[in-house]
Amino acid sequence: MYLSVVIPAYNEALRIAEPLDHTLRYLAQRAKRNRHFTYEVIVVDGCSKDLTPDIVWEMTKRYPCLRLIQLDCNLGKGGAVKEGVLDSRGELILMVDADGAVDITAFETFEPKVYLISENFTIIHILIKPLYMCFQRQWYRSILSQGFHYLTRMFIGKHDIKDTQCGFKLFTKSAAKKLFKELSTSRWSFDVELIMLCNVYGIPITEVPVDFTDIPGSKITTLSFIHTIYELACIGFNFKIKRAVCSQYEQLLTMFS
């Protein structure tokens, strides 16, 4: 299979139907133009309390390529994405937010780039367009976003990624399986841990501009932000340990080579 699209969903009944239908129609059109373009769309429901799984289940009757994974408990966004990625079959794996903030057609913009840097382990990270204006967001979300980036640098250190949290990321299969098997963060900060794991294992990251639309109904709250501080502290601690272990391993290889 060429492409797997993984969509985490939790209480998205009011937002998921339209962007999901748009995604499925776009992929179907791609498949008509190219018979080698095979795909699947996996929606991972994090034990929603609304009609999200019912809406997706009804859509599976019209779209055989659509699969629904229903978790027994809420594992967080990172946990949901991890379940979907590890269950996917595509050579390319695309993570997409349920609200459709980045249009699925952006896939064609950066799809060729994965072959330009194709290696055993490759991750493409998709960057929100630099022209995106802060006033398009609700004021408190802008504050939380700036605070998150500050905390990331405080706990993790400086990095070259301008937007770690963009929910539109493309992975090669080999990179995704390696990264998500080791992913320990299950909630909002899992993107940061993915980037840190890439740094540890030397997996290249590329940023590509895409159009972004701020969709109302974000699940991020002040309580989520507080929990994120704890997650970032844990990631920073674990990252230092992993980096130290890898350094020792490389020294041993040098000694015996």
C-alpha atoms as a PDB file:
ATOM      1  CA  MET A   1       0.000   0.000   0.000  1.00  0.00           C
ATOM      2  CA  TYR A   2       1.307   3.431  -0.935  1.00  0.00           C
ATOM      3  CA  LEU A   3      -0.294   5.779   1.630  1.00  0.00           C
ATOM      4  CA  SER A   4      -1.858   5.499   5.082  1.00  0.00           C
ATOM      5  CA  VAL A   5      -3.639   8.542   6.507  1.00  0.00           C
ATOM      6  CA  VAL A   6      -3.949   8.435  10.312  1.00  0.00           C
ATOM      7  CA  ILE A   7      -6.514  10.726  11.955  1.00  0.00           C
ATOM      8  CA  PRO A   8      -6.825  10.893  15.774  1.00  0.00           C
ATOM      9  CA  ALA A   9     -10.324  11.867  16.936  1.00  0.00           C
ATOM     10  CA  TYR A  10     -11.920  12.641  20.275  1.00  0.00           C
ATOM     11  CA  ASN A  11     -15.361  14.245  20.521  1.00  0.00           C
ATOM     12  CA  GLU A  12     -15.167  15.523  16.939  1.00  0.00           C
ATOM     13  CA  ALA A  13     -18.807  14.920  15.957  1.00  0.00           C
ATOM     14  CA  LEU A  14     -19.337  18.573  15.020  1.00  0.00           C
ATOM     15  CA  ARG A  15     -16.187  18.857  12.901  1.00  0.00           C
ATOM     16  CA  ILE A  16     -15.077  15.533  11.439  1.00  0.00           C
ATOM     17  CA  ALA A  17     -17.654  14.650   8.751  1.00  0.00           C
ATOM     18  CA  GLU A  18     -16.906  17.368   6.180  1.00  0.00           C
ATOM     19  CA  PRO A  19     -13.065  17.272   6.226  1.00  0.00           C
ATOM     20  CA  LEU A  20     -13.058  13.460   6.353  1.00  0.00           C
ATOM     21  CA  ASP A  21     -15.387  13.229   3.355  1.00  0.00           C
ATOM     22  CA  HIS A  22     -13.222  15.770   1.507  1.00  0.00           C
ATOM     23  CA  THR A  23     -10.091  13.731   2.281  1.00  0.00           C
ATOM     24  CA  LEU A  24     -11.660  10.485   1.071  1.00  0.00           C
ATOM     25  CA  ARG A  25     -12.937  12.044  -2.158  1.00  0.00           C
ATOM     26  CA  TYR A  26      -9.527  13.552  -2.893  1.00  0.00           C
ATOM     27  CA  LEU A  27      -7.773  10.217  -2.375  1.00  0.00           C
ATOM     28  CA  ALA A  28     -10.349   8.426  -4.521  1.00  0.00           C
ATOM     29  CA  GLN A  29      -9.683  10.882  -7.349  1.00  0.00           C
ATOM     30  CA  ARG A  30      -5.936  10.314  -7.018  1.00  0.00           C
ATOM     31  CA  ALA A  31      -6.521   6.572  -7.246  1.00  0.00           C
ATOM     32  CA  LYS A  32      -8.606   6.995 -10.423  1.00  0.00           C
ATOM     33  CA  ARG A  33      -5.792   8.945 -12.080  1.00  0.00           C
ATOM     34  CA  ASN A  34      -3.124   6.474 -10.998  1.00  0.00           C
ATOM     35  CA  ARG A  35      -3.876   2.811 -10.401  1.00  0.00           C
ATOM     36  CA  HIS A  36      -0.663   2.469  -8.390  1.00  0.00           C
ATOM     37  CA  PHE A  37      -1.947   4.980  -5.844  1.00  0.00           C
ATOM     38  CA  THR A  38      -3.317   2.670  -3.153  1.00  0.00           C
ATOM     39  CA  TYR A  39      -4.346   4.059   0.208  1.00  0.00           C
ATOM     40  CA  GLU A  40      -6.184   3.639   3.490  1.00  0.00           C
ATOM     41  CA  VAL A  41      -7.603   6.144   5.972  1.00  0.00           C
ATOM     42  CA  ILE A  42      -7.520   5.174   9.655  1.00  0.00           C
ATOM     43  CA  VAL A  43      -9.569   7.132  12.183  1.00  0.00           C
ATOM     44  CA  VAL A  44      -8.545   6.333  15.749  1.00  0.00           C
ATOM     45  CA  ASP A  45     -11.327   7.242  18.166  1.00  0.00           C
ATOM     46  CA  GLY A  46     -10.071   7.973  21.675  1.00  0.00           C
ATOM     47  CA  CYS A  47     -13.202   6.760  23.452  1.00  0.00           C
ATOM     48  CA  SER A  48     -15.351   9.734  22.410  1.00  0.00           C
ATOM     49  CA  LYS A  49     -18.393  10.628  24.463  1.00  0.00           C
ATOM     50  CA  ASP A  50     -20.299  12.005  21.477  1.00  0.00           C
ATOM     51  CA  LEU A  51     -21.321  10.522  18.105  1.00  0.00           C
ATOM     52  CA  THR A  52     -17.856  10.636  16.522  1.00  0.00           C
ATOM     53  CA  PRO A  53     -17.474   6.840  16.113  1.00  0.00           C
ATOM     54  CA  ASP A  54     -21.032   6.518  14.776  1.00  0.00           C
ATOM     55  CA  ILE A  55     -20.384   9.173  12.123  1.00  0.00           C
ATOM     56  CA  VAL A  56     -17.152   7.508  11.034  1.00  0.00           C
ATOM     57  CA  TRP A  57     -18.732   4.043  11.064  1.00  0.00           C
ATOM     58  CA  GLU A  58     -21.517   5.211   8.752  1.00  0.00           C
ATOM     59  CA  MET A  59     -18.905   6.603   6.381  1.00  0.00           C
ATOM     60  CA  THR A  60     -17.077   3.251   6.229  1.00  0.00           C
ATOM     61  CA  LYS A  61     -20.149   1.869   4.429  1.00  0.00           C
ATOM     62  CA  ARG A  62     -19.532   4.333   1.570  1.00  0.00           C
ATOM     63  CA  TYR A  63     -15.747   4.226   1.638  1.00  0.00           C
ATOM     64  CA  PRO A  64     -14.217   0.699   1.929  1.00  0.00           C
ATOM     65  CA  CYS A  65     -10.757   2.239   2.348  1.00  0.00           C
ATOM     66  CA  LEU A  66     -11.836   3.883   5.626  1.00  0.00           C
ATOM     67  CA  ARG A  67     -11.107   2.055   8.864  1.00  0.00           C
ATOM     68  CA  LEU A  68     -12.216   2.909  12.388  1.00  0.00           C
ATOM     69  CA  ILE A  69     -10.179   1.935  15.435  1.00  0.00           C
ATOM     70  CA  GLN A  70     -12.043   2.424  18.712  1.00  0.00           C
ATOM     71  CA  LEU A  71      -9.847   2.537  21.788  1.00  0.00           C
ATOM     72  CA  ASP A  72     -11.106   1.164  25.105  1.00  0.00           C
ATOM     73  CA  CYS A  73      -9.917   4.279  26.919  1.00  0.00           C
ATOM     74  CA  ASN A  74      -8.635   7.756  26.083  1.00  0.00           C
ATOM     75  CA  LEU A  75      -4.890   7.453  25.478  1.00  0.00           C
ATOM     76  CA  GLY A  76      -4.480  11.100  24.471  1.00  0.00           C
ATOM     77  CA  LYS A  77      -3.731  12.419  20.996  1.00  0.00           C
ATOM     78  CA  GLY A  78      -0.242  10.949  20.941  1.00  0.00           C
ATOM     79  CA  GLY A  79      -1.526   7.563  22.065  1.00  0.00           C
ATOM     80  CA  ALA A  80      -4.214   7.578  19.377  1.00  0.00           C
ATOM     81  CA  VAL A  81      -1.742   8.499  16.623  1.00  0.00           C
ATOM     82  CA  LYS A  82       0.641   5.790  17.844  1.00  0.00           C
ATOM     83  CA  GLU A  83      -2.079   3.116  17.650  1.00  0.00           C
ATOM     84  CA  GLY A  84      -2.990   4.205  14.128  1.00  0.00           C
ATOM     85  CA  VAL A  85       0.596   4.375  12.879  1.00  0.00           C
ATOM     86  CA  LEU A  86       1.559   0.968  14.252  1.00  0.00           C
ATOM     87  CA  ASP A  87      -1.557  -0.527  12.637  1.00  0.00           C
ATOM     88  CA  SER A  88      -0.996   1.148   9.259  1.00  0.00           C
ATOM     89  CA  ARG A  89       0.258  -0.566   6.111  1.00  0.00           C
ATOM     90  CA  GLY A  90       1.346   2.292   3.833  1.00  0.00           C
ATOM     91  CA  GLU A  91       4.882   2.965   2.644  1.00  0.00           C
ATOM     92  CA  LEU A  92       4.118   6.603   3.460  1.00  0.00           C
ATOM     93  CA  ILE A  93       2.198   7.508   6.626  1.00  0.00           C
ATOM     94  CA  LEU A  94       0.471  10.868   6.899  1.00  0.00           C
ATOM     95  CA  MET A  95      -0.775  12.208  10.228  1.00  0.00           C
ATOM     96  CA  VAL A  96      -3.731  14.588   9.836  1.00  0.00           C
ATOM     97  CA  ASP A  97      -5.845  16.445  12.408  1.00  0.00           C
ATOM     98  CA  ALA A  98      -9.560  15.636  12.417  1.00  0.00           C
ATOM     99  CA  ASP A  99     -10.602  19.265  11.935  1.00  0.00           C
ATOM    100  CA  GLY A 100      -9.000  19.546   8.492  1.00  0.00           C
ATOM    101  CA  ALA A 101      -7.015  22.664   9.418  1.00  0.00           C
ATOM    102  CA  VAL A 102      -4.524  21.735   6.673  1.00  0.00           C
ATOM    103  CA  ASP A 103      -6.235  20.692   3.448  1.00  0.00           C
ATOM    104  CA  ILE A 104      -5.384  17.161   2.291  1.00  0.00           C
ATOM    105  CA  THR A 105      -4.396  18.532  -1.132  1.00  0.00           C
ATOM    106  CA  ALA A 106      -1.246  19.890   0.550  1.00  0.00           C
ATOM    107  CA  PHE A 107      -0.002  16.300   0.369  1.00  0.00           C
ATOM    108  CA  GLU A 108       0.853  16.813  -3.294  1.00  0.00           C
ATOM    109  CA  THR A 109       2.991  19.844  -2.432  1.00  0.00           C
ATOM    110  CA  PHE A 110       5.512  17.963  -0.345  1.00  0.00           C
ATOM    111  CA  GLU A 111       5.015  14.370  -1.525  1.00  0.00           C
ATOM    112  CA  PRO A 112       7.938  14.557  -4.022  1.00  0.00           C
ATOM    113  CA  LYS A 113      10.319  15.778  -1.317  1.00  0.00           C
ATOM    114  CA  VAL A 114      10.243  12.449   0.487  1.00  0.00           C
ATOM    115  CA  TYR A 115      12.072  10.915  -2.463  1.00  0.00           C
ATOM    116  CA  LEU A 116      14.685  13.646  -2.614  1.00  0.00           C
ATOM    117  CA  ILE A 117      15.950  12.749   0.863  1.00  0.00           C
ATOM    118  CA  SER A 118      14.761   9.138   0.971  1.00  0.00           C
ATOM    119  CA  GLU A 119      16.846   6.998   3.325  1.00  0.00           C
ATOM    120  CA  ASN A 120      16.133   4.089   5.643  1.00  0.00           C
ATOM    121  CA  PHE A 121      14.757   6.485   8.213  1.00  0.00           C
ATOM    122  CA  THR A 122      13.161   9.671   6.987  1.00  0.00           C
ATOM    123  CA  ILE A 123      10.547  11.975   8.438  1.00  0.00           C
ATOM    124  CA  ILE A 124       8.951  14.901   6.660  1.00  0.00           C
ATOM    125  CA  HIS A 125       7.694  17.546   9.058  1.00  0.00           C
ATOM    126  CA  ILE A 126       5.163  19.946   7.602  1.00  0.00           C
ATOM    127  CA  LEU A 127       5.414  23.561   8.711  1.00  0.00           C
ATOM    128  CA  ILE A 128       2.532  26.025   8.973  1.00  0.00           C
ATOM    129  CA  LYS A 129       3.020  28.799   6.421  1.00  0.00           C
ATOM    130  CA  PRO A 130       5.139  31.663   7.841  1.00  0.00           C
ATOM    131  CA  LEU A 131       2.499  34.119   6.550  1.00  0.00           C
ATOM    132  CA  TYR A 132      -0.017  32.732   9.059  1.00  0.00           C
ATOM    133  CA  MET A 133      -1.162  35.660  11.231  1.00  0.00           C
ATOM    134  CA  CYS A 134      -1.619  35.334  14.987  1.00  0.00           C
ATOM    135  CA  PHE A 135      -4.832  37.386  14.966  1.00  0.00           C
ATOM    136  CA  GLN A 136      -6.543  34.501  13.149  1.00  0.00           C
ATOM    137  CA  ARG A 137      -6.326  32.547  16.388  1.00  0.00           C
ATOM    138  CA  GLN A 138      -8.279  33.163  19.539  1.00  0.00           C
ATOM    139  CA  TRP A 139      -6.130  35.310  21.829  1.00  0.00           C
ATOM    140  CA  TYR A 140      -5.678  32.688  24.543  1.00  0.00           C
ATOM    141  CA  ARG A 141      -4.544  30.092  22.001  1.00  0.00           C
ATOM    142  CA  SER A 142      -1.852  32.460  20.776  1.00  0.00           C
ATOM    143  CA  ILE A 143      -0.633  32.938  24.346  1.00  0.00           C
ATOM    144  CA  LEU A 144      -0.621  29.180  24.998  1.00  0.00           C
ATOM    145  CA  SER A 145       1.244  28.591  21.729  1.00  0.00           C
ATOM    146  CA  GLN A 146       3.975  31.103  22.567  1.00  0.00           C
ATOM    147  CA  GLY A 147       4.233  29.689  26.078  1.00  0.00           C
ATOM    148  CA  PHE A 148       4.598  26.166  24.710  1.00  0.00           C
ATOM    149  CA  HIS A 149       7.473  27.133  22.416  1.00  0.00           C
ATOM    150  CA  TYR A 150       9.215  28.896  25.301  1.00  0.00           C
ATOM    151  CA  LEU A 151       8.851  25.830  27.541  1.00  0.00           C
ATOM    152  CA  THR A 152      10.074  23.545  24.768  1.00  0.00           C
ATOM    153  CA  ARG A 153      13.314  25.486  24.504  1.00  0.00           C
ATOM    154  CA  MET A 154      13.653  25.648  28.288  1.00  0.00           C
ATOM    155  CA  PHE A 155      13.319  21.894  28.873  1.00  0.00           C
ATOM    156  CA  ILE A 156      14.594  20.483  25.581  1.00  0.00           C
ATOM    157  CA  GLY A 157      17.031  23.117  24.394  1.00  0.00           C
ATOM    158  CA  LYS A 158      17.317  24.965  21.092  1.00  0.00           C
ATOM    159  CA  HIS A 159      16.202  23.227  17.901  1.00  0.00           C
ATOM    160  CA  ASP A 160      15.647  24.229  14.279  1.00  0.00           C
ATOM    161  CA  ILE A 161      11.957  23.321  14.060  1.00  0.00           C
ATOM    162  CA  LYS A 162       9.819  26.450  13.869  1.00  0.00           C
ATOM    163  CA  ASP A 163       6.499  24.754  14.642  1.00  0.00           C
ATOM    164  CA  THR A 164       6.628  21.422  16.433  1.00  0.00           C
ATOM    165  CA  GLN A 165       2.858  21.091  16.872  1.00  0.00           C
ATOM    166  CA  CYS A 166       1.552  21.271  13.308  1.00  0.00           C
ATOM    167  CA  GLY A 167      -0.810  18.296  12.960  1.00  0.00           C
ATOM    168  CA  PHE A 168       0.124  17.477   9.374  1.00  0.00           C
ATOM    169  CA  LYS A 169       3.219  15.280   9.209  1.00  0.00           C
ATOM    170  CA  LEU A 170       4.444  12.763   6.657  1.00  0.00           C
ATOM    171  CA  PHE A 171       6.665   9.818   7.563  1.00  0.00           C
ATOM    172  CA  THR A 172       8.234   7.006   5.632  1.00  0.00           C
ATOM    173  CA  LYS A 173       7.105   3.644   6.965  1.00  0.00           C
ATOM    174  CA  SER A 174      10.528   2.717   8.321  1.00  0.00           C
ATOM    175  CA  ALA A 175      10.899   5.991  10.213  1.00  0.00           C
ATOM    176  CA  ALA A 176       7.363   5.919  11.607  1.00  0.00           C
ATOM    177  CA  LYS A 177       7.577   2.369  12.921  1.00  0.00           C
ATOM    178  CA  LYS A 178      10.904   3.063  14.637  1.00  0.00           C
ATOM    179  CA  LEU A 179       9.838   6.382  16.159  1.00  0.00           C
ATOM    180  CA  PHE A 180       6.370   5.419  17.359  1.00  0.00           C
ATOM    181  CA  LYS A 181       7.491   2.133  18.901  1.00  0.00           C
ATOM    182  CA  GLU A 182       9.679   4.173  21.236  1.00  0.00           C
ATOM    183  CA  LEU A 183       7.220   7.013  21.786  1.00  0.00           C
ATOM    184  CA  SER A 184       6.380   7.302  25.497  1.00  0.00           C
ATOM    185  CA  THR A 185       4.459  10.609  25.547  1.00  0.00           C
ATOM    186  CA  SER A 186       0.758  10.111  24.923  1.00  0.00           C
ATOM    187  CA  ARG A 187      -0.703  13.608  24.963  1.00  0.00           C
ATOM    188  CA  TRP A 188      -0.018  17.069  23.534  1.00  0.00           C
ATOM    189  CA  SER A 189       3.779  16.967  23.691  1.00  0.00           C
ATOM    190  CA  PHE A 190       4.270  13.783  21.672  1.00  0.00           C
ATOM    191  CA  ASP A 191       5.336  15.830  18.607  1.00  0.00           C
ATOM    192  CA  VAL A 192       8.277  17.201  20.588  1.00  0.00           C
ATOM    193  CA  GLU A 193       9.357  13.707  21.616  1.00  0.00           C
ATOM    194  CA  LEU A 194       9.233  12.581  17.974  1.00  0.00           C
ATOM    195  CA  ILE A 195      11.603  15.393  17.044  1.00  0.00           C
ATOM    196  CA  MET A 196      13.913  14.547  19.918  1.00  0.00           C
ATOM    197  CA  LEU A 197      13.972  10.885  18.847  1.00  0.00           C
ATOM    198  CA  CYS A 198      14.865  11.986  15.329  1.00  0.00           C
ATOM    199  CA  ASN A 199      17.808  13.922  16.759  1.00  0.00           C
ATOM    200  CA  VAL A 200      18.940  10.912  18.768  1.00  0.00           C
ATOM    201  CA  TYR A 201      18.847   8.501  15.815  1.00  0.00           C
ATOM    202  CA  GLY A 202      19.964  10.919  13.120  1.00  0.00           C
ATOM    203  CA  ILE A 203      16.668  10.843  11.221  1.00  0.00           C
ATOM    204  CA  PRO A 204      16.473  13.892   8.921  1.00  0.00           C
ATOM    205  CA  ILE A 205      13.620  16.366   9.266  1.00  0.00           C
ATOM    206  CA  THR A 206      12.400  18.699   6.539  1.00  0.00           C
ATOM    207  CA  GLU A 207       9.927  21.569   6.960  1.00  0.00           C
ATOM    208  CA  VAL A 208       7.589  22.523   4.139  1.00  0.00           C
ATOM    209  CA  PRO A 209       5.165  25.505   4.153  1.00  0.00           C
ATOM    210  CA  VAL A 210       1.445  24.703   3.905  1.00  0.00           C
ATOM    211  CA  ASP A 211      -1.778  26.696   4.118  1.00  0.00           C
ATOM    212  CA  PHE A 212      -3.465  26.550   7.510  1.00  0.00           C
ATOM    213  CA  THR A 213      -6.985  27.439   8.645  1.00  0.00           C
ATOM    214  CA  ASP A 214      -7.726  27.928  12.333  1.00  0.00           C
ATOM    215  CA  ILE A 215     -10.807  25.792  13.070  1.00  0.00           C
ATOM    216  CA  PRO A 216     -12.890  26.582  16.205  1.00  0.00           C
ATOM    217  CA  GLY A 217     -13.320  23.811  18.781  1.00  0.00           C
ATOM    218  CA  SER A 218      -9.768  23.207  20.000  1.00  0.00           C
ATOM    219  CA  LYS A 219      -9.380  20.715  22.883  1.00  0.00           C
ATOM    220  CA  ILE A 220      -6.424  22.629  24.355  1.00  0.00           C
ATOM    221  CA  THR A 221      -7.239  24.094  27.783  1.00  0.00           C
ATOM    222  CA  THR A 222      -5.313  25.701  30.609  1.00  0.00           C
ATOM    223  CA  LEU A 223      -5.261  22.319  32.377  1.00  0.00           C
ATOM    224  CA  SER A 224      -3.779  20.757  29.235  1.00  0.00           C
ATOM    225  CA  PHE A 225      -1.060  23.400  29.286  1.00  0.00           C
ATOM    226  CA  ILE A 226      -0.185  22.580  32.894  1.00  0.00           C
ATOM    227  CA  HIS A 227       0.051  18.877  32.057  1.00  0.00           C
ATOM    228  CA  THR A 228       2.248  19.779  29.085  1.00  0.00           C
ATOM    229  CA  ILE A 229       4.848  21.325  31.405  1.00  0.00           C
ATOM    230  CA  TYR A 230       5.162  17.962  33.143  1.00  0.00           C
ATOM    231  CA  GLU A 231       5.413  16.125  29.809  1.00  0.00           C
ATOM    232  CA  LEU A 232       8.134  18.425  28.495  1.00  0.00           C
ATOM    233  CA  ALA A 233      10.162  17.981  31.673  1.00  0.00           C
ATOM    234  CA  CYS A 234       9.942  14.186  31.284  1.00  0.00           C
ATOM    235  CA  ILE A 235      10.896  14.360  27.603  1.00  0.00           C
ATOM    236  CA  GLY A 236      13.906  16.546  28.403  1.00  0.00           C
ATOM    237  CA  PHE A 237      15.085  14.115  31.095  1.00  0.00           C
ATOM    238  CA  ASN A 238      14.589  11.047  28.881  1.00  0.00           C
ATOM    239  CA  PHE A 239      16.281  12.756  25.947  1.00  0.00           C
ATOM    240  CA  LYS A 240      19.432  13.405  27.970  1.00  0.00           C
ATOM    241  CA  ILE A 241      19.534   9.731  28.993  1.00  0.00           C
ATOM    242  CA  LYS A 242      19.006   8.469  25.411  1.00  0.00           C
ATOM    243  CA  ARG A 243      21.655  10.818  24.068  1.00  0.00           C
ATOM    244  CA  ALA A 244      24.137   9.662  26.717  1.00  0.00           C
ATOM    245  CA  VAL A 245      23.450   5.986  25.944  1.00  0.00           C
ATOM    246  CA  CYS A 246      23.874   6.549  22.188  1.00  0.00           C
ATOM    247  CA  SER A 247      27.129   8.404  22.824  1.00  0.00           C
ATOM    248  CA  GLN A 248      28.505   5.519  24.882  1.00  0.00           C
ATOM    249  CA  TYR A 249      27.407   3.046  22.205  1.00  0.00           C
ATOM    250  CA  GLU A 250      29.205   5.013  19.479  1.00  0.00           C
ATOM    251  CA  GLN A 251      32.374   5.108  21.593  1.00  0.00           C
ATOM    252  CA  LEU A 252      32.250   1.336  21.996  1.00  0.00           C
ATOM    253  CA  LEU A 253      31.819   0.866  18.259  1.00  0.00           C
ATOM    254  CA  THR A 254      34.823   3.107  17.628  1.00  0.00           C
ATOM    255  CA  MET A 255      36.949   1.126  20.101  1.00  0.00           C
ATOM    256  CA  PHE A 256      36.176  -2.255  18.526  1.00  0.00           C
ATOM    257  CA  SER A 257      36.090  -1.181  14.870  1.00  0.00           C
END
